[in-house]
Amino acid sequence: MASYSDYVQKYPDLIAHYNTQIKDSGKSMEQWGQEHWDKFGSNENRTIPQASSSSSSTSTAAPKTASSYVDLSPDLAQGWKVLEDYLAGVDVNTKYADMAPHPGGLTPSQRSEYWEKRGATSKEAFGKAHAAEDMALKLGTYKQSGTDYKIGSDPWKELFTSKAGQFGTSLNYPDTPQSTSEAPLTRWEMFDPRLPASSATETTATTGPEITTTGWTDPNSSVYVSDEIQTMDMATLTDEMDLSNKLTEIINMDSPLFKAAATKALQVMQKRGIVNSSLANEAVMNAILDVAMPIASAEVQALQQNLYYNTDWTNQQKTDANKYFYERMLTKLKSSLDMQLQKMVQSFGAWGKYGDWIQNIVTSPGADQDAWQRMLDAMKGGGGWPAYPGN
């Protein structure tokens, strides 16, 4: 039987064109190969290799893991590439603006968010989530309400009617058996992980979400987790007060940045006749909690959504997921808090100069109550006092 994927791979110009111009669109090599053959190849004295009845001499078996499932399925490999960038904070809507449109109209960011909510925070987890969703659709146990893919419906029949080359090369998705509405098969069930004998492609398996290994034990960092502080059980932190209390445990009031902001705040307060370092610390803490709370709340919600969509997770998987979102929260917090504290130091410095100016006016020779009142009225007309404490 003809293999259009082998046809593409036979000719260097075709495989180069597919890899640089076609692959990212999500179109399979088999599908594009057939299109090229029908339109051009048949008139260019090219030939189509015949698929061998046995692949043992030209290929080697690869582990059937969720990672190899992604690596050896062009559309899934592309999906993971986008998701991986999304998880790293890349603006995927801009980077992948030319990507082929999603059948449901979802943007690259919306597609990535969809899979992140289902625990797809690593390649292995993405492959597992995709295979599990396919199986749920096949069996009619898919949780999301309003789906069009009810067993026996026309969309469901179309979804589970496959054709050769639809998902990848014949090497990994053999021409037989194919899925039909009478005998439905998921992609995972049809997937046969084999690599060309000369291929250097490697696939790896992991057992859960990839965990950031960044340490948070630097006593000079604005976010500091000492040995006495236990990892937050983030899924339980639905109460804002509880979450706020937990955040105050890891916001490092002894960090150089925090101390600098508090010192500047105290200097400003002294200009107003207030000499209280505790109030200065409290002002800085409240200001950065305003920044930290939305970040932490978003990570708590993301974890809860993952747990909702993955009720079959083991306790270890739940622990790994909690650690992943906890570490990600710490990373985001440090970046945002450092920026906020730096802004506050600069802003408090401006406040100090503002206070000096006011002090000079008040203490200048001949100043009286009327002059002071006129100065206050002028400041109010110009917008009044600057925002405190510096944001």
Protein backbone atom coordinates (compact mmCIF):
# COMPACT_ATOMS: atom_id res chain seq x y z
CA MET A 1 0.00 0.00 0.00
CA ALA A 2 1.26 3.49 -0.87
CA SER A 3 2.70 5.56 1.97
CA TYR A 4 2.59 9.28 1.30
CA SER A 5 4.65 9.95 4.42
CA ASP A 6 7.43 7.80 3.00
CA TYR A 7 7.00 9.67 -0.29
CA VAL A 8 7.69 12.98 1.50
CA GLN A 9 10.63 11.53 3.40
CA LYS A 10 12.15 10.12 0.20
CA TYR A 11 12.75 13.55 -1.34
CA PRO A 12 14.94 16.07 0.54
CA ASP A 13 13.13 19.09 -0.94
CA LEU A 14 9.74 17.75 0.17
CA ILE A 15 10.74 16.87 3.72
CA ALA A 16 12.48 20.24 4.06
CA HIS A 17 9.39 22.07 2.82
CA TYR A 18 7.11 20.08 5.12
CA ASN A 19 9.25 20.74 8.21
CA THR A 20 9.62 24.48 7.58
CA GLN A 21 6.30 25.41 5.98
CA ILE A 22 3.63 22.78 6.71
CA LYS A 23 4.36 20.97 9.98
CA ASP A 24 3.41 23.84 12.30
CA SER A 25 -0.03 24.07 10.69
CA GLY A 26 -0.97 20.73 12.24
CA LYS A 27 -1.43 18.98 8.87
CA SER A 28 -0.05 15.45 8.95
CA MET A 29 2.82 14.42 6.70
CA GLU A 30 0.64 11.69 5.21
CA GLN A 31 -2.12 14.14 4.34
CA TRP A 32 0.18 16.77 2.86
CA GLY A 33 2.13 14.08 0.98
CA GLN A 34 -1.04 12.85 -0.70
CA GLU A 35 -2.03 16.41 -1.63
CA HIS A 36 1.41 17.06 -3.13
CA TRP A 37 1.39 13.80 -5.05
CA ASP A 38 -2.06 14.42 -6.52
CA LYS A 39 -1.27 17.99 -7.59
CA PHE A 40 2.41 17.87 -8.50
CA GLY A 41 4.34 14.67 -7.79
CA SER A 42 2.49 12.46 -10.24
CA ASN A 43 3.53 14.85 -13.03
CA GLU A 44 7.14 15.33 -11.90
CA ASN A 45 8.49 11.81 -12.48
CA ARG A 46 8.49 11.17 -8.73
CA THR A 47 7.58 7.78 -7.26
CA ILE A 48 5.76 6.64 -4.14
CA PRO A 49 7.48 4.01 -1.99
CA GLN A 50 5.25 1.08 -1.13
CA ALA A 51 4.70 0.52 2.58
CA SER A 52 6.42 -2.62 3.74
CA SER A 53 4.33 -5.39 5.23
CA SER A 54 6.84 -5.60 8.03
CA SER A 55 8.56 -2.63 9.61
CA SER A 56 11.01 -4.59 11.73
CA SER A 57 13.91 -4.09 9.32
CA THR A 58 13.36 -0.35 8.86
CA SER A 59 12.23 0.70 12.31
CA THR A 60 12.71 0.06 15.97
CA ALA A 61 10.12 -0.11 18.70
CA ALA A 62 9.91 2.86 21.05
CA PRO A 63 8.38 2.92 24.54
CA LYS A 64 4.65 3.56 24.44
CA THR A 65 4.53 6.49 26.81
CA ALA A 66 2.47 9.65 26.85
CA SER A 67 5.62 11.53 25.86
CA SER A 68 6.29 9.36 22.80
CA TYR A 69 2.58 9.72 21.94
CA VAL A 70 3.11 13.50 21.80
CA ASP A 71 6.50 13.38 20.07
CA LEU A 72 5.35 11.05 17.29
CA SER A 73 2.02 12.79 16.59
CA PRO A 74 2.68 16.02 14.63
CA ASP A 75 -0.40 17.90 15.84
CA LEU A 76 0.21 16.93 19.48
CA ALA A 77 3.89 17.84 19.21
CA GLN A 78 2.87 21.26 17.94
CA GLY A 79 0.22 21.58 20.66
CA TRP A 80 2.80 20.81 23.33
CA LYS A 81 5.22 23.33 21.84
CA VAL A 82 2.60 26.07 22.21
CA LEU A 83 1.58 24.90 25.69
CA GLU A 84 5.20 24.74 26.86
CA ASP A 85 5.75 28.34 25.73
CA TYR A 86 2.50 29.40 27.42
CA LEU A 87 3.57 27.83 30.72
CA ALA A 88 6.87 29.71 30.44
CA GLY A 89 5.03 33.02 30.16
CA VAL A 90 5.40 33.56 26.40
CA ASP A 91 2.71 35.56 24.56
CA VAL A 92 1.60 32.61 22.43
CA ASN A 93 -1.15 34.54 20.67
CA THR A 94 1.51 36.73 19.10
CA LYS A 95 4.17 34.06 18.57
CA TYR A 96 1.71 31.64 16.94
CA ALA A 97 -0.51 34.17 15.20
CA ASP A 98 -0.07 32.34 11.88
CA MET A 99 -1.03 28.94 13.26
CA ALA A 100 -3.87 27.15 11.53
CA PRO A 101 -7.24 28.18 13.05
CA HIS A 102 -8.70 25.95 15.75
CA PRO A 103 -11.97 24.22 14.76
CA GLY A 104 -13.64 25.70 17.83
CA GLY A 105 -12.21 29.17 17.28
CA LEU A 106 -9.91 29.05 20.33
CA THR A 107 -6.81 31.22 20.36
CA PRO A 108 -3.42 29.61 21.14
CA SER A 109 -3.68 31.05 24.66
CA GLN A 110 -7.18 29.63 25.18
CA ARG A 111 -6.09 26.20 23.92
CA SER A 112 -3.15 26.23 26.31
CA GLU A 113 -5.30 27.34 29.24
CA TYR A 114 -7.74 24.52 28.45
CA TRP A 115 -5.00 21.88 28.81
CA GLU A 116 -3.35 23.55 31.79
CA LYS A 117 -6.64 23.26 33.68
CA ARG A 118 -6.51 19.54 33.01
CA GLY A 119 -3.10 19.14 34.60
CA ALA A 120 -1.04 19.26 31.39
CA THR A 121 2.01 20.92 32.93
CA SER A 122 4.56 18.57 31.34
CA LYS A 123 4.80 16.71 28.04
CA GLU A 124 3.94 13.43 29.74
CA ALA A 125 0.98 14.98 31.54
CA PHE A 126 -0.23 16.57 28.29
CA GLY A 127 -0.12 13.22 26.48
CA LYS A 128 -1.97 11.52 29.34
CA ALA A 129 -4.61 14.24 29.47
CA HIS A 130 -5.21 14.05 25.72
CA ALA A 131 -5.46 10.26 25.70
CA ALA A 132 -7.75 10.27 28.75
CA GLU A 133 -10.08 12.83 27.16
CA ASP A 134 -10.28 10.75 23.97
CA MET A 135 -11.18 7.69 26.00
CA ALA A 136 -13.80 9.60 28.00
CA LEU A 137 -15.41 10.78 24.76
CA LYS A 138 -15.37 7.26 23.38
CA LEU A 139 -17.01 5.80 26.50
CA GLY A 140 -19.43 8.66 27.09
CA THR A 141 -17.91 9.61 30.45
CA TYR A 142 -16.63 13.02 29.40
CA LYS A 143 -17.47 15.42 32.23
CA GLN A 144 -17.83 18.76 30.50
CA SER A 145 -21.49 19.63 30.05
CA GLY A 146 -22.80 20.77 26.70
CA THR A 147 -20.40 18.71 24.62
CA ASP A 148 -21.56 17.86 21.10
CA TYR A 149 -19.78 14.50 21.21
CA LYS A 150 -22.50 12.35 22.73
CA ILE A 151 -22.24 8.65 21.89
CA GLY A 152 -24.01 7.98 18.61
CA SER A 153 -24.33 11.63 17.62
CA ASP A 154 -23.11 12.75 14.21
CA PRO A 155 -20.14 14.70 15.66
CA TRP A 156 -19.19 11.65 17.73
CA LYS A 157 -19.36 9.36 14.69
CA GLU A 158 -17.23 11.80 12.70
CA LEU A 159 -14.71 12.08 15.55
CA PHE A 160 -14.28 8.30 15.74
CA THR A 161 -14.11 7.67 12.01
CA SER A 162 -10.45 7.88 11.05
CA LYS A 163 -8.51 7.46 7.84
CA ALA A 164 -4.95 6.48 7.04
CA GLY A 165 -2.42 9.21 7.69
CA GLN A 166 -4.82 11.37 9.68
CA PHE A 167 -2.75 11.45 12.87
CA GLY A 168 0.79 10.73 11.69
CA THR A 169 2.94 8.47 9.61
CA SER A 170 2.00 4.89 8.86
CA LEU A 171 4.99 3.95 10.99
CA ASN A 172 3.24 5.18 14.14
CA TYR A 173 -0.38 4.97 13.04
CA PRO A 174 -0.71 1.80 10.92
CA ASP A 175 -3.22 1.83 8.09
CA THR A 176 -5.15 -0.89 9.89
CA PRO A 177 -7.10 -1.00 12.03
CA GLN A 178 -8.89 2.30 11.60
CA SER A 179 -11.50 3.66 13.97
CA THR A 180 -15.12 3.48 12.86
CA SER A 181 -18.34 4.49 14.56
CA GLU A 182 -19.23 0.79 14.82
CA ALA A 183 -15.83 -0.13 16.31
CA PRO A 184 -14.43 3.10 17.75
CA LEU A 185 -10.77 3.38 18.68
CA THR A 186 -9.00 6.24 20.38
CA ARG A 187 -5.80 7.62 18.94
CA TRP A 188 -3.88 6.09 21.84
CA GLU A 189 -5.30 2.67 20.99
CA MET A 190 -4.18 3.06 17.36
CA PHE A 191 -0.79 4.51 18.28
CA ASP A 192 2.19 2.22 17.63
CA PRO A 193 5.40 3.97 18.74
CA ARG A 194 8.13 3.04 16.28
CA LEU A 195 11.14 5.03 15.18
CA PRO A 196 12.99 4.77 11.85
CA ALA A 197 16.08 2.61 12.35
CA SER A 198 18.34 5.62 11.71
CA SER A 199 16.34 8.02 13.83
CA ALA A 200 18.03 9.72 16.73
CA THR A 201 14.73 10.93 18.16
CA GLU A 202 14.45 10.43 21.89
CA THR A 203 11.32 10.34 23.99
CA THR A 204 11.26 10.52 27.71
CA ALA A 205 8.71 9.68 30.32
CA THR A 206 8.01 11.50 33.54
CA THR A 207 5.65 10.56 36.30
CA GLY A 208 4.00 13.89 36.98
CA PRO A 209 4.18 17.67 36.56
CA GLU A 210 7.63 19.07 36.04
CA ILE A 211 8.65 20.73 39.28
CA THR A 212 10.75 23.85 39.37
CA THR A 213 13.80 23.22 41.50
CA THR A 214 14.47 26.84 42.39
CA GLY A 215 15.41 27.17 46.04
CA TRP A 216 13.69 29.70 48.28
CA THR A 217 16.04 29.58 51.24
CA ASP A 218 18.02 32.75 50.42
CA PRO A 219 17.53 35.02 53.45
CA ASN A 220 18.15 38.07 51.25
CA SER A 221 15.30 37.27 48.86
CA SER A 222 12.00 39.15 49.06
CA VAL A 223 10.32 35.72 49.10
CA TYR A 224 11.91 33.49 51.72
CA VAL A 225 10.78 30.03 52.82
CA SER A 226 12.59 28.98 55.98
CA ASP A 227 12.88 25.41 57.23
CA GLU A 228 10.10 26.11 59.72
CA ILE A 229 7.56 26.99 57.04
CA GLN A 230 5.64 24.07 55.58
CA THR A 231 4.54 23.97 51.94
CA MET A 232 1.07 25.47 51.65
CA ASP A 233 -1.83 23.13 51.04
CA MET A 234 -3.00 25.53 48.37
CA ALA A 235 -6.27 23.82 47.48
CA THR A 236 -7.61 24.61 50.97
CA LEU A 237 -6.73 28.32 50.91
CA THR A 238 -10.07 29.58 49.62
CA ASP A 239 -10.50 32.12 52.43
CA GLU A 240 -8.76 35.44 51.69
CA MET A 241 -7.70 35.92 55.30
CA ASP A 242 -6.09 32.47 55.46
CA LEU A 243 -4.29 33.08 52.18
CA SER A 244 -3.14 36.52 53.33
CA ASN A 245 -1.79 35.07 56.56
CA LYS A 246 0.13 32.40 54.66
CA LEU A 247 1.64 34.99 52.34
CA THR A 248 2.92 37.07 55.26
CA GLU A 249 4.89 34.00 56.33
CA ILE A 250 6.94 33.96 53.12
CA ILE A 251 7.25 37.70 52.45
CA ASN A 252 10.67 38.48 53.86
CA MET A 253 10.60 41.68 55.94
CA ASP A 254 14.34 41.28 56.52
CA SER A 255 15.25 41.42 52.83
CA PRO A 256 17.32 44.46 51.75
CA LEU A 257 14.56 45.65 49.42
CA PHE A 258 11.86 45.47 52.09
CA LYS A 259 14.08 47.25 54.61
CA ALA A 260 14.91 49.98 52.11
CA ALA A 261 11.21 50.58 51.36
CA ALA A 262 10.35 50.59 55.08
CA THR A 263 13.17 53.05 55.82
CA LYS A 264 11.96 55.41 53.10
CA ALA A 265 8.40 55.09 54.42
CA LEU A 266 9.55 55.91 57.94
CA GLN A 267 11.39 58.98 56.70
CA VAL A 268 8.22 60.22 55.04
CA MET A 269 6.22 59.58 58.21
CA GLN A 270 8.77 61.49 60.27
CA LYS A 271 8.17 64.51 58.04
CA ARG A 272 4.55 64.31 59.20
CA GLY A 273 5.45 63.94 62.84
CA ILE A 274 4.98 60.13 62.97
CA VAL A 275 7.90 58.16 64.35
CA ASN A 276 6.86 54.50 64.31
CA SER A 277 8.82 51.82 62.45
CA SER A 278 6.02 49.28 62.95
CA LEU A 279 3.63 51.49 61.02
CA ALA A 280 6.20 51.83 58.25
CA ASN A 281 6.59 48.06 58.00
CA GLU A 282 2.82 47.64 58.00
CA ALA A 283 2.41 50.19 55.22
CA VAL A 284 4.94 48.38 53.03
CA MET A 285 3.45 44.95 53.81
CA ASN A 286 -0.08 46.09 52.95
CA ALA A 287 1.13 47.59 49.69
CA ILE A 288 2.86 44.42 48.52
CA LEU A 289 0.00 42.19 49.71
CA ASP A 290 -2.16 44.13 47.25
CA VAL A 291 0.18 42.81 44.55
CA ALA A 292 0.66 39.32 45.99
CA MET A 293 -2.96 38.35 46.69
CA PRO A 294 -4.19 38.27 43.04
CA ILE A 295 -1.15 36.18 42.03
CA ALA A 296 -1.64 33.68 44.84
CA SER A 297 -5.41 33.50 44.33
CA ALA A 298 -4.92 32.70 40.63
CA GLU A 299 -2.57 29.81 41.45
CA VAL A 300 -4.96 28.45 44.10
CA GLN A 301 -7.77 28.53 41.54
CA ALA A 302 -5.61 26.85 38.88
CA LEU A 303 -4.79 23.99 41.27
CA GLN A 304 -8.43 23.57 42.26
CA GLN A 305 -9.44 23.35 38.60
CA ASN A 306 -6.79 20.69 38.01
CA LEU A 307 -8.09 18.66 40.94
CA TYR A 308 -11.66 19.05 39.66
CA TYR A 309 -10.80 17.71 36.21
CA ASN A 310 -8.56 14.94 37.54
CA THR A 311 -10.53 13.19 40.27
CA ASP A 312 -8.68 9.94 39.56
CA TRP A 313 -5.29 11.38 40.62
CA THR A 314 -3.41 9.48 43.30
CA ASN A 315 -2.37 11.23 46.51
CA GLN A 316 1.18 11.47 45.15
CA GLN A 317 -0.05 13.15 41.96
CA LYS A 318 -2.05 15.62 44.03
CA THR A 319 1.02 16.36 46.14
CA ASP A 320 3.13 16.88 43.01
CA ALA A 321 0.51 19.21 41.54
CA ASN A 322 0.35 21.23 44.76
CA LYS A 323 4.14 21.55 44.74
CA TYR A 324 4.15 22.61 41.09
CA PHE A 325 1.63 25.44 41.61
CA TYR A 326 3.26 26.45 44.91
CA GLU A 327 6.66 26.75 43.23
CA ARG A 328 5.16 28.64 40.32
CA MET A 329 3.44 31.03 42.72
CA LEU A 330 6.75 31.69 44.50
CA THR A 331 8.45 32.46 41.19
CA LYS A 332 5.75 34.92 40.14
CA LEU A 333 5.64 36.50 43.59
CA LYS A 334 9.38 37.15 43.73
CA SER A 335 9.41 38.88 40.35
CA SER A 336 6.35 41.03 41.13
CA LEU A 337 7.34 41.88 44.70
CA ASP A 338 10.87 42.87 43.72
CA MET A 339 9.45 45.24 41.13
CA GLN A 340 6.88 46.67 43.55
CA LEU A 341 9.44 47.21 46.33
CA GLN A 342 11.80 48.95 43.93
CA LYS A 343 8.98 51.24 42.80
CA MET A 344 8.13 51.98 46.41
CA VAL A 345 11.72 52.88 47.29
CA GLN A 346 11.82 55.32 44.37
CA SER A 347 8.37 56.69 45.12
CA PHE A 348 9.08 57.16 48.82
CA GLY A 349 12.22 59.01 47.81
CA ALA A 350 10.04 61.41 45.81
CA TRP A 351 7.75 61.70 48.82
CA GLY A 352 10.72 62.74 50.96
CA LYS A 353 11.60 65.57 48.55
CA TYR A 354 7.94 66.59 48.52
CA GLY A 355 7.93 66.68 52.31
CA ASP A 356 11.11 68.79 52.34
CA TRP A 357 9.44 71.32 50.06
CA ILE A 358 6.39 71.51 52.30
CA GLN A 359 8.61 71.86 55.37
CA ASN A 360 10.45 74.76 53.76
CA ILE A 361 7.20 76.54 53.01
CA VAL A 362 5.84 76.02 56.49
CA THR A 363 9.02 77.20 58.24
CA SER A 364 9.84 80.08 55.91
CA PRO A 365 9.94 83.53 57.57
CA GLY A 366 6.57 85.28 57.58
CA ALA A 367 4.50 82.12 57.01
CA ASP A 368 1.15 82.30 58.77
CA GLN A 369 -2.05 80.29 58.93
CA ASP A 370 -3.54 81.94 55.86
CA ALA A 371 -0.43 81.24 53.79
CA TRP A 372 -0.46 77.60 54.91
CA GLN A 373 -4.16 77.26 53.96
CA ARG A 374 -3.57 78.82 50.54
CA MET A 375 -0.75 76.33 49.96
CA LEU A 376 -3.01 73.41 50.88
CA ASP A 377 -5.80 74.68 48.62
CA ALA A 378 -3.34 74.99 45.72
CA MET A 379 -2.12 71.41 46.22
CA LYS A 380 -5.69 70.11 46.31
CA GLY A 381 -6.49 71.95 43.10
CA GLY A 382 -3.47 70.27 41.50
CA GLY A 383 -4.57 66.79 42.49
CA GLY A 384 -3.79 66.82 46.20
CA TRP A 385 -1.35 64.56 47.97
CA PRO A 386 0.43 61.86 46.01
CA ALA A 387 -0.85 58.30 46.39
CA TYR A 388 0.53 56.57 49.50
CA PRO A 389 2.55 54.44 49.87
CA GLY A 390 3.86 54.82 46.36
CA ASN A 391 1.74 52.90 43.87
